Amino acid sequence: EEDPYQLSKWQDLERLSVLVESGESYKDKCFLMTADITLPKNWKPIGCTKDGSNGINKGANLNAFSGTFDGGNHLLTVPAGERPLFAYVNGTTIRNLNIYGTQINGFGLVDCFTGVGMSGTAMIIENITLKSGTQTLESGLIGACRFENGWAGCSAGYNAIIRNCTIEKGVIIGYTGERSEIGGFAGRMQGTVENCVNNGTVKGVNYVGGIIATIDNALGKCDVLNCTFGGDVIA
């Protein structure tokens, strides 16, 4: 942490994405954004499956980012229609990042929270702010995705932690209003959401909530603690 890899331009993020795709997990390594960065067109989120399918095969088919990503309280801008910063992570910490995107095509931060057959902490997300004017197609930060199991996105012992995060007034989560399982910070959630504030608008059909949408069906840990919702739910 005292001497992190420094990221100052989109080419640095693209290089990180390529290296993680090749199998570099960066476990126990730290990255720090040193400037505001706008993602490029046709952005490929960080982390992938080895064969390009949705199945992770209990992690054997997964090239995930496992390091610490510190935004340095800088702004990450996602161009309209592009995917979020991360796709697949495992055992990672993402912190101190402001996000702005007029039409983020997916979840706002991590697109594939999936972990059937896995255990431990998938991710710790802290001090992330979705800035006013941002719109996400899916839930604000994450959501358990049922790629390999029609009932649950993760095994009961595989969790995420979201804490000290903010969604500003003027943010729209689920901007089409046509998706289900849309939550301010998380859709299908397994883990803990703590000390978070949402003043934005959350839109969807079924299972729509200001903080989370629904517990994942693996019925593992799911706690919402000391959170505040001051926006609108339209469902």
Protein backbone atom coordinates (compact mmCIF):
# COMPACT_ATOMS: atom_id res chain seq x y z
CA GLU A 1 0.00 0.00 0.00
CA GLU A 2 2.94 2.35 0.58
CA ASP A 3 4.12 1.93 -3.04
CA PRO A 4 1.11 1.07 -5.25
CA TYR A 5 1.01 0.68 -8.99
CA GLN A 6 -0.16 4.07 -10.26
CA LEU A 7 -2.93 4.55 -12.81
CA SER A 8 -3.17 7.94 -14.50
CA LYS A 9 -4.84 7.28 -17.88
CA TRP A 10 -7.26 4.88 -19.54
CA GLN A 11 -4.39 3.00 -21.18
CA ASP A 12 -3.22 1.97 -17.70
CA LEU A 13 -6.65 0.50 -16.94
CA GLU A 14 -6.71 -1.23 -20.32
CA ARG A 15 -3.30 -2.76 -19.62
CA LEU A 16 -4.53 -3.98 -16.24
CA SER A 17 -7.56 -5.57 -17.92
CA VAL A 18 -5.33 -7.37 -20.44
CA LEU A 19 -2.99 -8.68 -17.74
CA VAL A 20 -5.84 -9.97 -15.57
CA GLU A 21 -7.30 -11.64 -18.65
CA SER A 22 -3.97 -13.42 -19.11
CA GLY A 23 -4.15 -14.86 -15.60
CA GLU A 24 -2.51 -12.25 -13.35
CA SER A 25 -4.75 -11.97 -10.28
CA TYR A 26 -2.61 -9.35 -8.47
CA LYS A 27 -3.48 -10.85 -5.11
CA ASP A 28 -1.95 -8.73 -2.31
CA LYS A 29 -1.00 -6.01 -4.84
CA CYS A 30 -2.33 -2.43 -4.74
CA PHE A 31 -3.32 -0.02 -7.50
CA LEU A 32 -3.96 3.71 -7.09
CA MET A 33 -5.66 6.11 -9.48
CA THR A 34 -3.67 9.37 -9.53
CA ALA A 35 -5.99 11.33 -11.85
CA ASP A 36 -9.56 11.41 -13.18
CA ILE A 37 -9.95 8.81 -15.95
CA THR A 38 -12.55 8.30 -18.69
CA LEU A 39 -12.92 4.73 -19.94
CA PRO A 40 -12.47 4.22 -23.70
CA LYS A 41 -15.08 3.11 -26.19
CA ASN A 42 -15.50 -0.67 -26.42
CA TRP A 43 -14.17 -1.01 -22.88
CA LYS A 44 -13.56 -4.59 -21.73
CA PRO A 45 -14.15 -4.78 -17.96
CA ILE A 46 -11.39 -6.16 -15.74
CA GLY A 47 -11.67 -9.91 -15.09
CA CYS A 48 -13.09 -12.67 -17.28
CA THR A 49 -13.74 -16.39 -17.59
CA LYS A 50 -10.97 -18.33 -19.26
CA ASP A 51 -13.14 -19.73 -22.04
CA GLY A 52 -15.46 -16.75 -22.45
CA SER A 53 -18.51 -18.57 -21.11
CA ASN A 54 -20.59 -17.53 -18.11
CA GLY A 55 -19.67 -20.61 -16.07
CA ILE A 56 -16.85 -20.23 -13.53
CA ASN A 57 -16.58 -23.96 -12.64
CA LYS A 58 -16.07 -23.24 -8.92
CA GLY A 59 -13.38 -20.72 -9.82
CA ALA A 60 -11.33 -23.02 -12.07
CA ASN A 61 -12.56 -21.15 -15.15
CA LEU A 62 -12.00 -17.72 -13.65
CA ASN A 63 -9.37 -15.05 -14.25
CA ALA A 64 -10.47 -12.54 -11.63
CA PHE A 65 -8.87 -9.42 -10.18
CA SER A 66 -7.88 -10.12 -6.56
CA GLY A 67 -5.87 -7.04 -5.61
CA THR A 68 -6.76 -3.69 -4.06
CA PHE A 69 -8.04 -0.92 -6.33
CA ASP A 70 -7.95 2.54 -4.73
CA GLY A 71 -9.54 5.33 -6.74
CA GLY A 72 -7.71 8.00 -4.75
CA ASN A 73 -11.07 9.86 -4.57
CA HIS A 74 -10.77 10.59 -8.29
CA LEU A 75 -13.57 10.42 -10.86
CA LEU A 76 -14.04 7.47 -13.20
CA THR A 77 -16.28 8.36 -16.16
CA VAL A 78 -18.03 5.58 -18.06
CA PRO A 79 -19.11 6.67 -21.57
CA ALA A 80 -22.75 6.08 -22.50
CA GLY A 81 -23.41 2.47 -23.39
CA GLU A 82 -20.14 1.12 -21.99
CA ARG A 83 -19.72 -1.58 -19.36
CA PRO A 84 -18.53 -0.87 -15.79
CA LEU A 85 -14.92 -0.97 -14.57
CA PHE A 86 -14.91 -4.60 -13.37
CA ALA A 87 -16.43 -7.85 -14.59
CA TYR A 88 -15.09 -10.60 -12.29
CA VAL A 89 -13.34 -10.10 -8.94
CA ASN A 90 -12.46 -12.44 -6.08
CA GLY A 91 -10.98 -11.46 -2.73
CA THR A 92 -10.60 -7.85 -3.84
CA THR A 93 -10.98 -4.44 -2.22
CA ILE A 94 -12.32 -1.50 -4.24
CA ARG A 95 -12.36 1.86 -2.46
CA ASN A 96 -12.28 5.66 -2.65
CA LEU A 97 -13.78 6.03 -6.13
CA ASN A 98 -16.30 8.44 -7.66
CA ILE A 99 -18.23 7.10 -10.66
CA TYR A 100 -20.12 9.02 -13.33
CA GLY A 101 -21.83 7.58 -16.39
CA THR A 102 -24.94 8.83 -18.16
CA GLN A 103 -25.88 5.27 -19.23
CA ILE A 104 -23.76 2.50 -17.72
CA ASN A 105 -24.64 -0.73 -19.53
CA GLY A 106 -24.79 -3.08 -16.54
CA PHE A 107 -24.14 -2.77 -12.82
CA GLY A 108 -22.35 0.38 -11.74
CA LEU A 109 -19.08 -1.17 -10.54
CA VAL A 110 -18.81 -4.99 -10.80
CA ASP A 111 -20.81 -6.74 -13.51
CA CYS A 112 -20.47 -10.40 -12.48
CA PHE A 113 -20.87 -11.18 -8.75
CA THR A 114 -21.02 -14.94 -9.13
CA GLY A 115 -19.61 -17.67 -6.93
CA VAL A 116 -21.36 -21.04 -7.04
CA GLY A 117 -18.98 -23.52 -5.38
CA MET A 118 -16.83 -20.76 -3.86
CA SER A 119 -16.33 -19.42 -0.33
CA GLY A 120 -14.83 -16.40 1.41
CA THR A 121 -15.17 -12.68 0.67
CA ALA A 122 -15.72 -11.92 -2.98
CA MET A 123 -15.17 -8.19 -2.55
CA ILE A 124 -15.03 -5.34 -0.09
CA ILE A 125 -16.45 -2.14 -1.60
CA GLU A 126 -16.02 1.02 0.46
CA ASN A 127 -16.30 4.76 -0.03
CA ILE A 128 -17.72 4.57 -3.55
CA THR A 129 -19.96 7.42 -4.76
CA LEU A 130 -22.28 7.37 -7.75
CA LYS A 131 -22.35 11.00 -8.84
CA SER A 132 -25.50 12.92 -9.77
CA GLY A 133 -26.50 12.37 -13.40
CA THR A 134 -25.32 8.76 -13.41
CA GLN A 135 -27.69 6.08 -14.71
CA THR A 136 -27.17 2.31 -14.45
CA LEU A 137 -29.05 -0.39 -16.34
CA GLU A 138 -28.74 -2.84 -13.43
CA SER A 139 -28.28 -2.24 -9.69
CA GLY A 140 -26.03 0.55 -8.50
CA LEU A 141 -22.85 -1.37 -7.64
CA ILE A 142 -23.27 -5.17 -7.79
CA GLY A 143 -25.74 -8.05 -7.87
CA ALA A 144 -25.43 -11.84 -7.65
CA CYS A 145 -25.80 -13.27 -11.16
CA ARG A 146 -27.40 -16.69 -11.65
CA PHE A 147 -25.19 -17.93 -14.47
CA GLU A 148 -24.77 -21.56 -13.33
CA ASN A 149 -27.68 -22.03 -10.96
CA GLY A 150 -31.22 -20.92 -11.68
CA TRP A 151 -31.85 -20.25 -8.00
CA ALA A 152 -28.68 -18.69 -6.58
CA GLY A 153 -25.76 -16.66 -7.85
CA CYS A 154 -23.36 -17.67 -5.08
CA SER A 155 -22.80 -20.41 -2.54
CA ALA A 156 -23.92 -19.56 0.99
CA GLY A 157 -20.37 -18.90 2.19
CA TYR A 158 -19.39 -16.48 -0.59
CA ASN A 159 -20.14 -12.88 0.39
CA ALA A 160 -19.70 -9.24 -0.54
CA ILE A 161 -19.25 -6.27 1.81
CA ILE A 162 -20.44 -2.79 0.85
CA ARG A 163 -19.84 0.03 3.32
CA ASN A 164 -19.69 3.82 3.52
CA CYS A 165 -20.98 4.25 -0.03
CA THR A 166 -23.19 7.02 -1.42
CA ILE A 167 -25.66 7.42 -4.27
CA GLU A 168 -26.32 11.09 -4.89
CA LYS A 169 -29.64 12.72 -5.70
CA GLY A 170 -30.10 12.75 -9.47
CA VAL A 171 -28.83 9.19 -9.95
CA ILE A 172 -31.17 6.68 -11.62
CA ILE A 173 -30.68 2.98 -10.89
CA GLY A 174 -32.36 0.68 -13.44
CA TYR A 175 -32.92 3.48 -15.95
CA THR A 176 -35.18 1.51 -18.33
CA GLY A 177 -37.54 0.56 -15.50
CA GLU A 178 -37.98 -2.82 -17.21
CA ARG A 179 -35.59 -5.00 -15.16
CA SER A 180 -36.26 -6.94 -11.97
CA GLU A 181 -34.01 -7.45 -8.92
CA ILE A 182 -32.86 -3.83 -8.96
CA GLY A 183 -31.45 -2.38 -5.74
CA GLY A 184 -29.78 0.92 -4.99
CA PHE A 185 -26.47 -0.66 -4.03
CA ALA A 186 -27.07 -4.34 -4.81
CA GLY A 187 -29.60 -6.48 -6.61
CA ARG A 188 -29.44 -10.07 -5.36
CA MET A 189 -27.25 -9.64 -2.30
CA GLN A 190 -25.24 -11.94 -0.12
CA GLY A 191 -23.14 -10.31 2.58
CA THR A 192 -23.38 -6.92 4.30
CA VAL A 193 -24.41 -3.39 3.32
CA GLU A 194 -23.45 -0.95 6.06
CA ASN A 195 -23.40 2.83 6.61
CA CYS A 196 -24.59 3.60 3.07
CA VAL A 197 -26.82 6.46 1.85
CA ASN A 198 -28.97 6.46 -1.29
CA ASN A 199 -30.75 9.65 -2.35
CA GLY A 200 -31.31 8.53 -5.94
CA THR A 201 -34.19 6.90 -7.84
CA VAL A 202 -34.51 3.11 -8.20
CA LYS A 203 -36.70 1.78 -11.03
CA GLY A 204 -37.77 -1.74 -11.95
CA VAL A 205 -40.57 -4.30 -12.17
CA ASN A 206 -40.27 -6.84 -9.32
CA TYR A 207 -37.89 -7.04 -6.34
CA VAL A 208 -36.94 -3.37 -6.33
CA GLY A 209 -35.46 -1.66 -3.27
CA GLY A 210 -33.71 1.49 -2.17
CA ILE A 211 -30.75 -0.35 -0.61
CA ILE A 212 -30.90 -3.93 -1.94
CA ALA A 213 -33.42 -5.83 -4.05
CA THR A 214 -33.49 -9.29 -2.45
CA ILE A 215 -31.39 -11.83 -0.57
CA ASP A 216 -29.73 -14.42 -2.83
CA ASN A 217 -31.45 -17.79 -2.69
CA ALA A 218 -28.41 -19.56 -1.23
CA LEU A 219 -29.68 -17.98 2.02
CA GLY A 220 -26.26 -17.07 3.33
CA LYS A 221 -25.47 -13.96 5.35
CA CYS A 222 -27.47 -10.88 4.35
CA ASP A 223 -27.38 -7.85 6.68
CA VAL A 224 -28.35 -4.24 6.01
CA LEU A 225 -27.06 -2.03 8.82
CA ASN A 226 -27.26 1.74 9.50
CA CYS A 227 -28.29 2.65 5.95
CA THR A 228 -30.48 5.54 4.79
CA PHE A 229 -32.72 5.84 1.73
CA GLY A 230 -34.02 9.27 0.78
CA GLY A 231 -34.96 8.79 -2.85
CA ASP A 232 -37.80 7.19 -4.82
CA VAL A 233 -38.64 3.58 -5.62
CA ILE A 234 -40.68 3.13 -8.82
CA ALA A 235 -41.73 -0.49 -9.33
